[in-house]
Amino acid sequence: MAYEGEVWMRFYGDFVYFLPEDFVMNKRVKRPPDNPINALISFGNTLLYTKTIAAIYQTHLDQRISFLHEPSEGRFSLSLDLSEVFKPVIVFKTIFDLVNNRRLQVEKHFDKQVNYCVLNEEGRKIFIESFEERLESVFMHPKLKRKVSYRTALKLDCYKLIKNILEEKEFVPFSLKEGM
């Protein structure tokens, strides 16, 4: 897991190159988020986890049994595992589009306090709308040779994992090559 954390830290460090100055962060802070970009990442990840949980519930997979994140009481570890590969194309694409197109602005869409920062109601509404549009956007799936939505791709990963468990077929999760 240390490697994964290192990759994310490098990724976050590059935000300075493609986000406006008021959306750059010093480090990733989750509970509670301490600046606008951390608030967006936390909110976006939460939305993605809930969509992944919904996809998993449509299958026979057990939310508590995971292969990447450590299981713990009350934690749906499998949704964390399956969500990882979708974060760049769903969560971060949504964030970058909203911030760089100035649809979200620090002064207008965030509630900033001394030790935390969250999206206000208007900001959440804008983010959710854009997030849902991203989930419904389609890409040409190289294996299926047809267009599928990112929401469908999430479900497909659930079914690929089932095939891995039941038929011992290699689990090849969603790839950025598929969805760009």
N, C-alpha and C. Protein backbone atom coordinates (compact mmCIF):
# COMPACT_ATOMS: atom_id res chain seq x y z
N MET A 1 0.82 -1.19 0.00
CA MET A 1 0.00 0.00 0.00
C MET A 1 0.86 1.26 0.00
N ALA A 2 2.08 1.15 0.43
CA ALA A 2 2.97 2.31 0.46
C ALA A 2 3.20 2.86 -0.95
N TYR A 3 3.31 1.96 -1.93
CA TYR A 3 3.52 2.39 -3.31
C TYR A 3 2.33 3.21 -3.81
N GLU A 4 1.13 2.73 -3.51
CA GLU A 4 -0.08 3.44 -3.94
C GLU A 4 -0.11 4.85 -3.35
N GLY A 5 0.21 4.97 -2.07
CA GLY A 5 0.24 6.28 -1.42
C GLY A 5 1.25 7.21 -2.04
N GLU A 6 2.40 6.65 -2.42
CA GLU A 6 3.45 7.45 -3.05
C GLU A 6 3.00 7.98 -4.41
N VAL A 7 2.32 7.14 -5.17
CA VAL A 7 1.82 7.55 -6.49
C VAL A 7 0.80 8.69 -6.33
N TRP A 8 -0.13 8.54 -5.38
CA TRP A 8 -1.13 9.60 -5.16
C TRP A 8 -0.45 10.89 -4.73
N MET A 9 0.57 10.80 -3.86
CA MET A 9 1.27 12.02 -3.41
C MET A 9 1.92 12.75 -4.58
N ARG A 10 2.52 12.00 -5.48
CA ARG A 10 3.12 12.62 -6.67
C ARG A 10 2.06 13.28 -7.54
N PHE A 11 0.96 12.58 -7.70
CA PHE A 11 -0.16 13.10 -8.49
C PHE A 11 -0.66 14.41 -7.90
N TYR A 12 -0.91 14.43 -6.59
CA TYR A 12 -1.38 15.65 -5.93
C TYR A 12 -0.36 16.78 -6.06
N GLY A 13 0.91 16.43 -6.00
CA GLY A 13 1.97 17.43 -6.13
C GLY A 13 1.98 18.12 -7.48
N ASP A 14 1.48 17.43 -8.51
CA ASP A 14 1.44 18.01 -9.85
C ASP A 14 0.26 18.95 -10.08
N PHE A 15 -0.66 19.03 -9.12
CA PHE A 15 -1.82 19.92 -9.27
C PHE A 15 -1.38 21.36 -9.50
N VAL A 16 -0.26 21.73 -8.95
CA VAL A 16 0.25 23.10 -9.09
C VAL A 16 0.43 23.48 -10.56
N TYR A 17 0.61 22.49 -11.43
CA TYR A 17 0.85 22.75 -12.85
C TYR A 17 -0.43 22.94 -13.67
N PHE A 18 -1.56 22.45 -13.17
CA PHE A 18 -2.76 22.56 -14.01
C PHE A 18 -4.02 23.00 -13.27
N LEU A 19 -3.88 23.53 -12.06
CA LEU A 19 -5.03 24.10 -11.35
C LEU A 19 -4.71 25.54 -10.95
N PRO A 20 -5.74 26.39 -10.86
CA PRO A 20 -5.51 27.76 -10.40
C PRO A 20 -4.92 27.76 -8.98
N GLU A 21 -4.22 28.81 -8.66
CA GLU A 21 -3.50 28.90 -7.38
C GLU A 21 -4.39 28.69 -6.16
N ASP A 22 -5.64 29.18 -6.20
CA ASP A 22 -6.51 29.04 -5.02
C ASP A 22 -7.02 27.61 -4.84
N PHE A 23 -6.72 26.71 -5.76
CA PHE A 23 -7.11 25.31 -5.63
C PHE A 23 -5.92 24.36 -5.42
N VAL A 24 -4.75 24.90 -5.21
CA VAL A 24 -3.57 24.05 -4.97
C VAL A 24 -3.51 23.70 -3.49
N MET A 25 -3.03 22.49 -3.17
CA MET A 25 -2.94 22.07 -1.78
C MET A 25 -1.50 21.73 -1.41
N ASN A 26 -1.22 21.82 -0.12
CA ASN A 26 0.10 21.44 0.38
C ASN A 26 0.22 19.94 0.55
N LYS A 27 -0.84 19.32 1.08
CA LYS A 27 -0.87 17.87 1.26
C LYS A 27 -2.32 17.42 1.32
N ARG A 28 -2.52 16.12 1.18
CA ARG A 28 -3.87 15.55 1.22
C ARG A 28 -4.31 15.45 2.68
N VAL A 29 -5.42 16.11 3.00
CA VAL A 29 -6.01 16.07 4.34
C VAL A 29 -7.46 15.64 4.16
N LYS A 30 -7.85 14.55 4.84
CA LYS A 30 -9.18 13.97 4.61
C LYS A 30 -10.22 14.34 5.67
N ARG A 31 -9.89 14.21 6.93
CA ARG A 31 -10.90 14.35 7.99
C ARG A 31 -10.49 15.38 9.01
N PRO A 32 -10.99 16.57 8.93
CA PRO A 32 -11.80 17.12 7.83
C PRO A 32 -10.90 17.73 6.76
N PRO A 33 -11.42 17.87 5.55
CA PRO A 33 -10.64 18.54 4.51
C PRO A 33 -10.34 19.98 4.94
N ASP A 34 -9.13 20.44 4.66
CA ASP A 34 -8.73 21.75 5.16
C ASP A 34 -8.65 22.85 4.10
N ASN A 35 -8.93 22.50 2.85
CA ASN A 35 -8.91 23.51 1.79
C ASN A 35 -9.84 23.05 0.66
N PRO A 36 -10.14 23.91 -0.30
CA PRO A 36 -11.11 23.57 -1.34
C PRO A 36 -10.78 22.31 -2.14
N ILE A 37 -9.53 22.10 -2.53
CA ILE A 37 -9.23 20.93 -3.35
C ILE A 37 -9.38 19.65 -2.55
N ASN A 38 -8.98 19.66 -1.27
CA ASN A 38 -9.20 18.49 -0.42
C ASN A 38 -10.69 18.23 -0.23
N ALA A 39 -11.48 19.29 -0.10
CA ALA A 39 -12.93 19.14 0.03
C ALA A 39 -13.52 18.49 -1.23
N LEU A 40 -13.05 18.92 -2.40
CA LEU A 40 -13.55 18.34 -3.66
C LEU A 40 -13.15 16.88 -3.79
N ILE A 41 -11.92 16.55 -3.46
CA ILE A 41 -11.46 15.16 -3.55
C ILE A 41 -12.27 14.28 -2.61
N SER A 42 -12.43 14.71 -1.36
CA SER A 42 -13.19 13.92 -0.39
C SER A 42 -14.63 13.73 -0.82
N PHE A 43 -15.26 14.80 -1.29
CA PHE A 43 -16.66 14.71 -1.72
C PHE A 43 -16.78 13.81 -2.95
N GLY A 44 -15.91 14.00 -3.92
CA GLY A 44 -15.93 13.17 -5.13
C GLY A 44 -15.68 11.71 -4.84
N ASN A 45 -14.71 11.41 -3.98
CA ASN A 45 -14.44 10.02 -3.62
C ASN A 45 -15.63 9.39 -2.92
N THR A 46 -16.28 10.15 -2.04
CA THR A 46 -17.46 9.64 -1.34
C THR A 46 -18.57 9.29 -2.33
N LEU A 47 -18.80 10.16 -3.30
CA LEU A 47 -19.82 9.87 -4.32
C LEU A 47 -19.45 8.62 -5.11
N LEU A 48 -18.18 8.50 -5.49
CA LEU A 48 -17.74 7.34 -6.25
C LEU A 48 -17.89 6.06 -5.43
N TYR A 49 -17.55 6.11 -4.14
CA TYR A 49 -17.69 4.92 -3.29
C TYR A 49 -19.16 4.50 -3.22
N THR A 50 -20.08 5.45 -3.11
CA THR A 50 -21.49 5.07 -3.02
C THR A 50 -21.98 4.47 -4.34
N LYS A 51 -21.52 5.00 -5.46
CA LYS A 51 -21.90 4.42 -6.76
C LYS A 51 -21.31 3.02 -6.92
N THR A 52 -20.11 2.82 -6.41
CA THR A 52 -19.48 1.50 -6.48
C THR A 52 -20.21 0.52 -5.58
N ILE A 53 -20.61 0.96 -4.40
CA ILE A 53 -21.39 0.10 -3.49
C ILE A 53 -22.68 -0.32 -4.18
N ALA A 54 -23.35 0.61 -4.85
CA ALA A 54 -24.59 0.29 -5.56
C ALA A 54 -24.34 -0.75 -6.65
N ALA A 55 -23.23 -0.62 -7.38
CA ALA A 55 -22.90 -1.60 -8.43
C ALA A 55 -22.62 -2.97 -7.81
N ILE A 56 -21.91 -3.00 -6.70
CA ILE A 56 -21.58 -4.27 -6.03
C ILE A 56 -22.85 -4.94 -5.53
N TYR A 57 -23.79 -4.16 -5.00
CA TYR A 57 -25.04 -4.74 -4.49
C TYR A 57 -25.87 -5.40 -5.59
N GLN A 58 -25.61 -5.07 -6.84
CA GLN A 58 -26.33 -5.71 -7.94
C GLN A 58 -25.70 -7.05 -8.33
N THR A 59 -24.67 -7.44 -7.61
CA THR A 59 -23.99 -8.71 -7.87
C THR A 59 -24.03 -9.56 -6.60
N HIS A 60 -23.32 -10.69 -6.63
CA HIS A 60 -23.24 -11.56 -5.45
C HIS A 60 -21.94 -11.35 -4.67
N LEU A 61 -21.25 -10.26 -4.94
CA LEU A 61 -20.01 -9.98 -4.22
C LEU A 61 -20.32 -9.51 -2.80
N ASP A 62 -19.39 -9.78 -1.89
CA ASP A 62 -19.52 -9.35 -0.50
C ASP A 62 -18.68 -8.09 -0.30
N GLN A 63 -19.34 -7.02 0.09
CA GLN A 63 -18.69 -5.72 0.28
C GLN A 63 -17.52 -5.76 1.24
N ARG A 64 -17.58 -6.65 2.20
CA ARG A 64 -16.58 -6.66 3.28
C ARG A 64 -15.30 -7.38 2.91
N ILE A 65 -15.33 -8.15 1.83
CA ILE A 65 -14.15 -8.93 1.43
C ILE A 65 -13.45 -8.19 0.29
N SER A 66 -12.21 -7.79 0.55
CA SER A 66 -11.49 -6.99 -0.42
C SER A 66 -10.15 -7.62 -0.76
N PHE A 67 -9.48 -7.07 -1.73
CA PHE A 67 -8.18 -7.61 -2.15
C PHE A 67 -7.07 -6.57 -2.08
N LEU A 68 -7.39 -5.31 -1.86
CA LEU A 68 -6.38 -4.25 -1.82
C LEU A 68 -6.39 -3.52 -0.48
N HIS A 69 -7.55 -3.02 -0.09
CA HIS A 69 -7.69 -2.32 1.19
C HIS A 69 -7.98 -3.32 2.30
N GLU A 70 -7.47 -3.03 3.47
CA GLU A 70 -7.67 -3.93 4.60
C GLU A 70 -9.11 -3.84 5.10
N PRO A 71 -9.76 -5.00 5.24
CA PRO A 71 -11.14 -4.99 5.75
C PRO A 71 -11.15 -4.54 7.22
N SER A 72 -12.21 -3.86 7.61
CA SER A 72 -12.40 -3.51 9.01
C SER A 72 -13.89 -3.36 9.28
N GLU A 73 -14.25 -3.35 10.53
CA GLU A 73 -15.64 -3.28 10.96
C GLU A 73 -16.35 -2.07 10.35
N GLY A 74 -17.49 -2.32 9.72
CA GLY A 74 -18.30 -1.24 9.18
C GLY A 74 -17.73 -0.56 7.94
N ARG A 75 -16.72 -1.16 7.34
CA ARG A 75 -16.08 -0.55 6.17
C ARG A 75 -16.33 -1.42 4.95
N PHE A 76 -16.80 -0.82 3.89
CA PHE A 76 -17.03 -1.55 2.65
C PHE A 76 -15.75 -1.53 1.82
N SER A 77 -14.82 -2.38 2.19
CA SER A 77 -13.47 -2.36 1.60
C SER A 77 -13.46 -2.66 0.11
N LEU A 78 -14.36 -3.53 -0.34
CA LEU A 78 -14.36 -3.87 -1.76
C LEU A 78 -14.69 -2.66 -2.62
N SER A 79 -15.58 -1.81 -2.14
CA SER A 79 -15.90 -0.60 -2.93
C SER A 79 -14.68 0.31 -3.03
N LEU A 80 -13.85 0.34 -1.99
CA LEU A 80 -12.61 1.13 -2.06
C LEU A 80 -11.68 0.55 -3.11
N ASP A 81 -11.57 -0.79 -3.12
CA ASP A 81 -10.70 -1.46 -4.09
C ASP A 81 -11.12 -1.17 -5.53
N LEU A 82 -12.40 -1.40 -5.81
CA LEU A 82 -12.89 -1.26 -7.18
C LEU A 82 -12.94 0.20 -7.64
N SER A 83 -13.07 1.12 -6.71
CA SER A 83 -13.14 2.54 -7.05
C SER A 83 -11.80 3.12 -7.48
N GLU A 84 -10.71 2.57 -6.97
CA GLU A 84 -9.38 3.17 -7.19
C GLU A 84 -9.10 3.50 -8.65
N VAL A 85 -9.36 2.56 -9.55
CA VAL A 85 -9.00 2.77 -10.95
C VAL A 85 -9.92 3.77 -11.66
N PHE A 86 -11.07 4.06 -11.04
CA PHE A 86 -12.01 5.01 -11.65
C PHE A 86 -11.82 6.44 -11.17
N LYS A 87 -11.08 6.62 -10.09
CA LYS A 87 -10.89 7.98 -9.55
C LYS A 87 -10.35 8.96 -10.60
N PRO A 88 -9.30 8.62 -11.34
CA PRO A 88 -8.78 9.60 -12.31
C PRO A 88 -9.79 10.02 -13.37
N VAL A 89 -10.55 9.08 -13.91
CA VAL A 89 -11.44 9.41 -15.02
C VAL A 89 -12.82 9.90 -14.58
N ILE A 90 -13.18 9.66 -13.34
CA ILE A 90 -14.49 10.15 -12.88
C ILE A 90 -14.30 11.31 -11.90
N VAL A 91 -13.68 11.06 -10.76
CA VAL A 91 -13.56 12.09 -9.73
C VAL A 91 -12.66 13.23 -10.18
N PHE A 92 -11.44 12.92 -10.58
CA PHE A 92 -10.49 13.98 -10.91
C PHE A 92 -10.83 14.70 -12.21
N LYS A 93 -11.38 13.99 -13.17
CA LYS A 93 -11.82 14.65 -14.40
C LYS A 93 -12.94 15.65 -14.07
N THR A 94 -13.86 15.25 -13.20
CA THR A 94 -14.93 16.15 -12.78
C THR A 94 -14.35 17.38 -12.08
N ILE A 95 -13.43 17.16 -11.15
CA ILE A 95 -12.82 18.27 -10.42
C ILE A 95 -12.09 19.22 -11.37
N PHE A 96 -11.25 18.67 -12.24
CA PHE A 96 -10.46 19.52 -13.14
C PHE A 96 -11.36 20.32 -14.08
N ASP A 97 -12.41 19.68 -14.59
CA ASP A 97 -13.33 20.40 -15.48
C ASP A 97 -14.03 21.55 -14.74
N LEU A 98 -14.53 21.27 -13.54
CA LEU A 98 -15.25 22.30 -12.79
C LEU A 98 -14.35 23.46 -12.37
N VAL A 99 -13.16 23.14 -11.93
CA VAL A 99 -12.24 24.18 -11.45
C VAL A 99 -11.66 24.98 -12.61
N ASN A 100 -11.17 24.30 -13.63
CA ASN A 100 -10.52 25.01 -14.73
C ASN A 100 -11.50 25.77 -15.62
N ASN A 101 -12.76 25.37 -15.62
CA ASN A 101 -13.78 26.12 -16.36
C ASN A 101 -14.50 27.13 -15.46
N ARG A 102 -13.98 27.30 -14.24
CA ARG A 102 -14.47 28.28 -13.26
C ARG A 102 -15.94 28.08 -12.90
N ARG A 103 -16.42 26.86 -12.99
CA ARG A 103 -17.80 26.58 -12.56
C ARG A 103 -17.87 26.50 -11.04
N LEU A 104 -16.74 26.17 -10.40
CA LEU A 104 -16.64 26.23 -8.95
C LEU A 104 -15.59 27.27 -8.59
N GLN A 105 -15.95 28.14 -7.65
CA GLN A 105 -15.03 29.20 -7.23
C GLN A 105 -14.93 29.19 -5.71
N VAL A 106 -13.72 29.41 -5.23
CA VAL A 106 -13.45 29.33 -3.79
C VAL A 106 -14.37 30.26 -3.00
N GLU A 107 -14.48 31.52 -3.43
CA GLU A 107 -15.25 32.51 -2.67
C GLU A 107 -16.75 32.21 -2.67
N LYS A 108 -17.23 31.57 -3.71
CA LYS A 108 -18.67 31.42 -3.91
C LYS A 108 -19.22 30.05 -3.49
N HIS A 109 -18.42 28.99 -3.57
CA HIS A 109 -18.97 27.64 -3.43
C HIS A 109 -18.42 26.83 -2.25
N PHE A 110 -17.67 27.46 -1.37
CA PHE A 110 -17.07 26.73 -0.25
C PHE A 110 -17.36 27.43 1.07
N ASP A 111 -17.54 26.63 2.11
CA ASP A 111 -17.67 27.13 3.48
C ASP A 111 -16.34 26.84 4.16
N LYS A 112 -15.55 27.89 4.35
CA LYS A 112 -14.22 27.74 4.95
C LYS A 112 -14.26 28.21 6.40
N GLN A 113 -13.80 27.35 7.30
CA GLN A 113 -13.68 27.68 8.71
C GLN A 113 -12.21 27.58 9.10
N VAL A 114 -11.93 27.75 10.37
CA VAL A 114 -10.54 27.74 10.83
C VAL A 114 -9.84 26.43 10.50
N ASN A 115 -10.48 25.30 10.77
CA ASN A 115 -9.79 24.02 10.59
C ASN A 115 -10.47 23.08 9.59
N TYR A 116 -11.41 23.58 8.81
CA TYR A 116 -12.01 22.72 7.78
C TYR A 116 -12.57 23.56 6.64
N CYS A 117 -12.85 22.85 5.54
CA CYS A 117 -13.41 23.49 4.35
C CYS A 117 -14.33 22.48 3.68
N VAL A 118 -15.55 22.88 3.37
CA VAL A 118 -16.50 21.99 2.69
C VAL A 118 -17.22 22.76 1.58
N LEU A 119 -17.76 22.02 0.64
CA LEU A 119 -18.60 22.64 -0.38
C LEU A 119 -19.89 23.12 0.26
N ASN A 120 -20.37 24.29 -0.15
CA ASN A 120 -21.68 24.73 0.33
C ASN A 120 -22.75 24.05 -0.52
N GLU A 121 -24.02 24.34 -0.22
CA GLU A 121 -25.11 23.66 -0.92
C GLU A 121 -25.06 23.87 -2.43
N GLU A 122 -24.83 25.09 -2.85
CA GLU A 122 -24.75 25.38 -4.29
C GLU A 122 -23.57 24.64 -4.93
N GLY A 123 -22.44 24.61 -4.24
CA GLY A 123 -21.26 23.90 -4.74
C GLY A 123 -21.50 22.40 -4.87
N ARG A 124 -22.17 21.83 -3.86
CA ARG A 124 -22.48 20.39 -3.91
C ARG A 124 -23.40 20.08 -5.09
N LYS A 125 -24.39 20.94 -5.30
CA LYS A 125 -25.33 20.74 -6.41
C LYS A 125 -24.59 20.75 -7.75
N ILE A 126 -23.71 21.71 -7.94
CA ILE A 126 -22.92 21.81 -9.18
C ILE A 126 -22.05 20.57 -9.34
N PHE A 127 -21.39 20.16 -8.26
CA PHE A 127 -20.49 19.01 -8.33
C PHE A 127 -21.26 17.74 -8.66
N ILE A 128 -22.36 17.50 -7.96
CA ILE A 128 -23.14 16.27 -8.18
C ILE A 128 -23.65 16.21 -9.62
N GLU A 129 -24.15 17.32 -10.13
CA GLU A 129 -24.64 17.36 -11.51
C GLU A 129 -23.53 16.98 -12.49
N SER A 130 -22.36 17.56 -12.32
CA SER A 130 -21.23 17.28 -13.21
C SER A 130 -20.73 15.84 -13.04
N PHE A 131 -20.71 15.37 -11.79
CA PHE A 131 -20.30 14.00 -11.49
C PHE A 131 -21.22 13.00 -12.19
N GLU A 132 -22.53 13.22 -12.09
CA GLU A 132 -23.51 12.33 -12.72
C GLU A 132 -23.36 12.36 -14.25
N GLU A 133 -23.13 13.53 -14.80
CA GLU A 133 -22.90 13.63 -16.25
C GLU A 133 -21.67 12.82 -16.65
N ARG A 134 -20.65 12.89 -15.84
CA ARG A 134 -19.42 12.13 -16.12
C ARG A 134 -19.69 10.63 -16.06
N LEU A 135 -20.45 10.19 -15.06
CA LEU A 135 -20.78 8.77 -14.94
C LEU A 135 -21.55 8.27 -16.15
N GLU A 136 -22.40 9.11 -16.70
CA GLU A 136 -23.22 8.71 -17.85
C GLU A 136 -22.51 8.92 -19.19
N SER A 137 -21.38 9.62 -19.18
CA SER A 137 -20.65 9.80 -20.45
C SER A 137 -20.10 8.45 -20.90
N VAL A 138 -19.92 8.31 -22.20
CA VAL A 138 -19.55 7.01 -22.77
C VAL A 138 -18.18 7.06 -23.43
N PHE A 139 -17.61 5.89 -23.55
CA PHE A 139 -16.34 5.71 -24.24
C PHE A 139 -16.44 4.40 -25.02
N MET A 140 -15.60 4.25 -26.02
CA MET A 140 -15.58 3.03 -26.82
C MET A 140 -14.81 1.97 -26.04
N HIS A 141 -15.51 0.91 -25.67
CA HIS A 141 -14.88 -0.18 -24.92
C HIS A 141 -14.14 -1.07 -25.91
N PRO A 142 -12.81 -1.20 -25.77
CA PRO A 142 -12.03 -1.93 -26.77
C PRO A 142 -12.38 -3.42 -26.88
N LYS A 143 -12.76 -4.02 -25.77
CA LYS A 143 -13.07 -5.45 -25.81
C LYS A 143 -14.50 -5.71 -26.30
N LEU A 144 -15.43 -4.90 -25.83
CA LEU A 144 -16.83 -5.08 -26.21
C LEU A 144 -17.13 -4.49 -27.59
N LYS A 145 -16.25 -3.62 -28.06
CA LYS A 145 -16.40 -2.97 -29.37
C LYS A 145 -17.72 -2.19 -29.47
N ARG A 146 -18.08 -1.57 -28.36
CA ARG A 146 -19.26 -0.70 -28.34
C ARG A 146 -19.07 0.35 -27.26
N LYS A 147 -19.91 1.37 -27.32
CA LYS A 147 -19.82 2.43 -26.32
C LYS A 147 -20.50 2.00 -25.03
N VAL A 148 -19.83 2.29 -23.91
CA VAL A 148 -20.41 2.02 -22.59
C VAL A 148 -20.18 3.25 -21.70
N SER A 149 -21.04 3.41 -20.72
CA SER A 149 -20.88 4.52 -19.78
C SER A 149 -19.91 4.11 -18.67
N TYR A 150 -19.41 5.10 -17.95
CA TYR A 150 -18.53 4.79 -16.82
C TYR A 150 -19.30 4.05 -15.73
N ARG A 151 -20.59 4.34 -15.59
CA ARG A 151 -21.43 3.61 -14.63
C ARG A 151 -21.45 2.12 -15.00
N THR A 152 -21.60 1.84 -16.29
CA THR A 152 -21.59 0.45 -16.76
C THR A 152 -20.22 -0.17 -16.56
N ALA A 153 -19.18 0.59 -16.80
CA ALA A 153 -17.81 0.07 -16.61
C ALA A 153 -17.58 -0.35 -15.16
N LEU A 154 -18.16 0.40 -14.22
CA LEU A 154 -18.07 0.01 -12.81
C LEU A 154 -18.69 -1.37 -12.59
N LYS A 155 -19.89 -1.57 -13.15
CA LYS A 155 -20.56 -2.86 -13.03
C LYS A 155 -19.76 -3.96 -13.71
N LEU A 156 -19.20 -3.65 -14.87
CA LEU A 156 -18.40 -4.65 -15.59
C LEU A 156 -17.22 -5.12 -14.74
N ASP A 157 -16.60 -4.21 -14.00
CA ASP A 157 -15.50 -4.62 -13.13
C ASP A 157 -15.99 -5.56 -12.03
N CYS A 158 -17.19 -5.35 -11.54
CA CYS A 158 -17.76 -6.28 -10.54
C CYS A 158 -17.90 -7.67 -11.16
N TYR A 159 -18.42 -7.73 -12.37
CA TYR A 159 -18.61 -9.03 -13.03
C TYR A 159 -17.28 -9.68 -13.39
N LYS A 160 -16.27 -8.87 -13.74
CA LYS A 160 -14.94 -9.43 -14.01
C LYS A 160 -14.36 -10.05 -12.74
N LEU A 161 -14.62 -9.42 -11.61
CA LEU A 161 -14.13 -9.96 -10.34
C LEU A 161 -14.84 -11.27 -10.01
N ILE A 162 -16.12 -11.36 -10.28
CA ILE A 162 -16.86 -12.61 -10.06
C ILE A 162 -16.28 -13.72 -10.93
N LYS A 163 -16.00 -13.42 -12.20
CA LYS A 163 -15.40 -14.43 -13.09
C LYS A 163 -14.03 -14.87 -12.56
N ASN A 164 -13.30 -13.94 -11.99
CA ASN A 164 -12.01 -14.28 -11.40
C ASN A 164 -12.18 -15.26 -10.25
N ILE A 165 -13.18 -15.03 -9.43
CA ILE A 165 -13.41 -15.88 -8.26
C ILE A 165 -13.97 -17.24 -8.67
N LEU A 166 -14.97 -17.25 -9.53
CA LEU A 166 -15.66 -18.50 -9.87
C LEU A 166 -14.98 -19.31 -10.97
N GLU A 167 -14.41 -18.63 -11.94
CA GLU A 167 -13.84 -19.33 -13.10
C GLU A 167 -12.33 -19.20 -13.18
N GLU A 168 -11.75 -18.55 -12.18
CA GLU A 168 -10.30 -18.34 -12.13
C GLU A 168 -9.77 -17.63 -13.38
N LYS A 169 -10.60 -16.77 -13.96
CA LYS A 169 -10.14 -15.94 -15.07
C LYS A 169 -9.41 -14.74 -14.48
N GLU A 170 -8.36 -14.31 -15.17
CA GLU A 170 -7.57 -13.19 -14.67
C GLU A 170 -8.45 -11.94 -14.53
N PHE A 171 -8.32 -11.28 -13.39
CA PHE A 171 -9.06 -10.04 -13.17
C PHE A 171 -8.22 -8.88 -13.70
N VAL A 172 -8.69 -8.28 -14.77
CA VAL A 172 -8.02 -7.11 -15.35
C VAL A 172 -8.99 -5.94 -15.16
N PRO A 173 -8.71 -5.09 -14.18
CA PRO A 173 -9.65 -3.99 -13.91
C PRO A 173 -9.66 -2.96 -15.02
N PHE A 174 -10.64 -2.10 -14.95
CA PHE A 174 -10.76 -0.96 -15.86
C PHE A 174 -9.40 -0.28 -15.98
N SER A 175 -9.09 0.15 -17.17
CA SER A 175 -7.80 0.81 -17.42
C SER A 175 -8.04 2.18 -18.03
N LEU A 176 -7.15 3.09 -17.76
CA LEU A 176 -7.25 4.41 -18.37
C LEU A 176 -7.24 4.32 -19.89
N LYS A 177 -6.60 3.29 -20.42
CA LYS A 177 -6.56 3.11 -21.87
C LYS A 177 -7.96 2.88 -22.42
N GLU A 178 -8.82 2.22 -21.62
CA GLU A 178 -10.18 1.96 -22.06
C GLU A 178 -11.01 3.23 -22.06
N GLY A 179 -10.85 4.04 -21.01
CA GLY A 179 -11.79 5.12 -20.79
C GLY A 179 -11.36 6.51 -21.15
N MET A 180 -10.33 6.66 -21.94
CA MET A 180 -9.90 8.02 -22.29
C MET A 180 -10.40 8.38 -23.67
